[in-house]
Protein backbone atom coordinates (compact mmCIF):
# COMPACT_ATOMS: atom_id res chain seq x y z
CA UNK A 1 232.87 149.87 132.48
CA UNK A 2 235.69 152.17 133.53
CA UNK A 3 234.83 155.87 133.79
CA UNK A 4 237.72 156.86 131.52
CA UNK A 5 236.56 154.68 128.60
CA UNK A 6 235.06 156.65 125.73
CA UNK A 7 231.57 155.50 124.71
CA UNK A 8 232.54 154.67 121.13
CA UNK A 9 235.36 152.38 122.32
CA UNK A 10 233.17 150.83 125.04
CA UNK A 11 230.43 150.09 122.51
CA UNK A 12 232.91 148.56 120.05
CA UNK A 13 234.38 146.43 122.85
CA UNK A 14 230.91 145.20 123.84
CA UNK A 15 230.02 144.25 120.26
CA UNK A 16 233.35 142.44 119.86
CA UNK A 17 233.15 140.62 123.20
CA UNK A 18 229.60 139.28 122.98
CA UNK A 19 228.75 136.47 120.58
CA UNK A 20 224.95 136.58 120.50
CA UNK A 21 222.31 139.24 120.23
CA UNK A 22 218.73 139.49 121.38
CA UNK A 23 216.22 140.19 118.64
CA UNK A 24 212.63 141.33 118.64
CA UNK A 25 210.49 140.67 115.60
CA UNK A 26 206.84 141.15 114.71
CA UNK A 27 204.80 138.36 113.15
CA UNK A 28 202.26 138.78 110.40
CA UNK A 29 199.63 138.58 113.14
CA UNK A 30 201.16 141.64 114.83
CA UNK A 31 202.35 139.67 117.85
CA UNK A 32 205.92 140.40 118.99
CA UNK A 33 208.49 137.67 119.48
CA UNK A 34 211.81 137.72 121.35
CA UNK A 35 214.70 135.47 120.44
CA UNK A 36 218.45 135.35 120.31
CA UNK A 37 221.06 134.23 117.84
CA UNK A 38 224.82 134.31 117.36
CA UNK A 39 226.01 137.10 115.08
CA UNK A 40 228.88 138.39 113.00
CA UNK A 41 229.63 142.11 113.04
CA UNK A 42 231.43 143.67 110.13
CA UNK A 43 232.50 147.28 109.80
CA UNK A 44 231.30 149.83 109.40
CA UNK A 45 228.01 148.74 110.92
CA UNK A 46 226.43 145.53 109.64
CA UNK A 47 225.37 142.49 111.61
CA UNK A 48 224.90 139.09 110.02
CA UNK A 49 222.80 136.27 111.43
CA UNK A 50 222.37 132.73 110.13
CA UNK A 51 219.00 131.40 111.26
CA UNK A 52 216.67 128.46 110.68
CA UNK A 53 213.36 128.88 108.89
CA UNK A 54 211.92 126.74 111.68
CA UNK A 55 212.44 129.66 114.10
CA UNK A 56 209.61 132.18 114.50
CA UNK A 57 212.01 135.12 114.19
CA UNK A 58 213.17 133.92 110.76
CA UNK A 59 209.63 133.69 109.44
CA UNK A 60 208.97 137.15 110.87
CA UNK A 61 212.07 138.60 109.14
CA UNK A 62 210.88 137.20 105.83
CA UNK A 63 207.49 138.92 106.30
CA UNK A 64 208.60 142.14 108.02
CA UNK A 65 212.04 143.62 107.39
CA UNK A 66 212.19 145.68 110.60
CA UNK A 67 213.83 144.12 113.66
CA UNK A 68 215.11 145.47 116.96
CA UNK A 69 218.33 143.97 118.31
CA UNK A 70 220.20 144.32 121.58
CA UNK A 71 223.69 143.29 122.58
CA UNK A 72 224.07 143.31 126.35
CA UNK A 73 226.77 142.54 128.90
CA UNK A 74 226.42 139.13 130.52
CA UNK A 75 224.75 139.24 133.93
CA UNK A 76 227.72 137.42 135.47
CA UNK A 77 230.10 140.12 134.20
CA UNK A 78 228.27 143.15 135.56
CA UNK A 79 228.53 144.74 138.98
CA UNK A 80 225.15 146.50 138.71
CA UNK A 81 222.20 144.50 137.37
CA UNK A 82 220.16 147.70 136.87
CA UNK A 83 222.76 149.28 134.60
CA UNK A 84 224.16 146.58 132.34
CA UNK A 85 226.07 147.99 129.36
CA UNK A 86 224.03 147.48 126.20
CA UNK A 87 223.53 148.70 122.67
CA UNK A 88 220.16 148.66 120.92
CA UNK A 89 219.56 149.08 117.21
CA UNK A 90 216.50 149.30 115.03
CA UNK A 91 217.55 147.45 111.89
CA UNK A 92 216.37 146.64 108.42
CA UNK A 93 216.85 142.97 107.58
CA UNK A 94 217.94 141.88 104.12
CA UNK A 95 218.22 138.22 103.14
CA UNK A 96 221.56 137.35 101.53
CA UNK A 97 221.04 134.42 99.16
CA UNK A 98 223.60 131.78 98.16
CA UNK A 99 223.93 133.47 94.76
CA UNK A 100 225.14 136.74 96.37
CA UNK A 101 228.84 137.42 95.69
CA UNK A 102 229.68 137.75 99.42
CA UNK A 103 227.57 134.84 100.71
CA UNK A 104 230.41 132.32 101.09
CA UNK A 105 232.88 134.86 102.47
CA UNK A 106 230.41 136.11 105.09
CA UNK A 107 229.64 132.56 106.21
CA UNK A 108 233.36 131.75 106.31
CA UNK A 109 233.86 134.67 108.74
CA UNK A 110 230.77 133.61 110.68
CA UNK A 111 232.18 130.10 111.01
CA UNK A 112 235.59 131.45 112.12
CA UNK A 113 233.81 133.34 114.91
CA UNK A 114 231.43 130.58 115.99
CA UNK A 115 233.26 127.36 115.27
CA UNK A 116 232.47 123.89 114.05
CA UNK A 117 228.71 124.02 114.72
CA UNK A 118 228.36 126.89 112.24
CA UNK A 119 229.98 124.67 109.62
CA UNK A 120 227.42 121.94 110.30
CA UNK A 121 224.54 124.43 110.08
CA UNK A 122 225.79 125.59 106.67
CA UNK A 123 224.94 122.14 105.34
CA UNK A 124 221.29 122.37 106.39
CA UNK A 125 218.82 123.59 103.75
CA UNK A 126 216.58 125.55 106.15
CA UNK A 127 219.21 128.09 107.28
CA UNK A 128 219.13 131.59 105.83
CA UNK A 129 221.66 134.41 106.02
CA UNK A 130 220.44 137.91 106.87
CA UNK A 131 222.22 141.23 107.00
CA UNK A 132 220.85 143.51 109.72
CA UNK A 133 221.54 147.13 108.82
CA UNK A 134 221.10 149.54 111.77
CA UNK A 135 218.90 152.59 111.14
CA UNK A 136 218.81 154.01 114.70
CA UNK A 137 220.67 153.17 117.86
CA UNK A 138 221.26 153.80 121.54
CA UNK A 139 224.18 152.80 123.76
CA UNK A 140 224.02 152.65 127.55
CA UNK A 141 227.29 152.37 129.49
CA UNK A 142 225.67 152.70 132.91
CA UNK A 143 223.70 155.12 135.08
CA UNK A 144 223.69 158.59 133.49
CA UNK A 145 225.71 157.29 130.55
CA UNK A 146 223.17 156.86 127.75
CA UNK A 147 223.98 157.89 124.19
CA UNK A 148 221.91 158.30 121.07
CA UNK A 149 223.79 157.04 118.03
CA UNK A 150 223.68 159.40 115.06
CA UNK A 151 225.52 160.06 111.81
CA UNK A 152 225.41 158.17 108.54
CA UNK A 153 226.92 155.04 110.09
CA UNK A 154 225.66 155.69 113.65
CA UNK A 155 229.21 156.35 114.84
CA UNK A 156 228.47 159.67 116.60
CA UNK A 157 227.63 159.29 120.30
CA UNK A 158 225.41 162.10 121.62
CA UNK A 159 224.81 162.10 125.37
CA UNK A 160 221.10 161.53 125.95
CA UNK A 161 219.44 163.84 128.41
CA UNK A 162 215.90 164.02 129.77
CA UNK A 163 213.67 167.09 129.91
């Protein structure tokens, strides 16, 4: 990332450019699980995922509402593997059912972002829509460029320092 880019803009660009996020869930047995899924981001700060109940992370989200997510620059697009730009959030997951007033609209936007396959998945009975609402966050632009995200909508970038 260019040195003259402000962290808020760089973070927004990262979220817009990437199409999938990494997620870490905890099963009822206490064992962690890592996965990934395509996402839809909507302002001010909500992420939506559409996931199969056959996936471990979906079952975990149904049992435990807390999930950690990470959006990270592709390895092929970074010049320094040790300092890939990334944003991490601790989120609360909320299932959005088909009877919710925004269900169809959210999935329409999701399908616009992810294409024909998303339309096919909408027809499957095992797919569930979740809203991931960030509670805490951190953004790393590179070496010495780590920020804690604060404020009501996590839009304030405070330079993180050690010691």
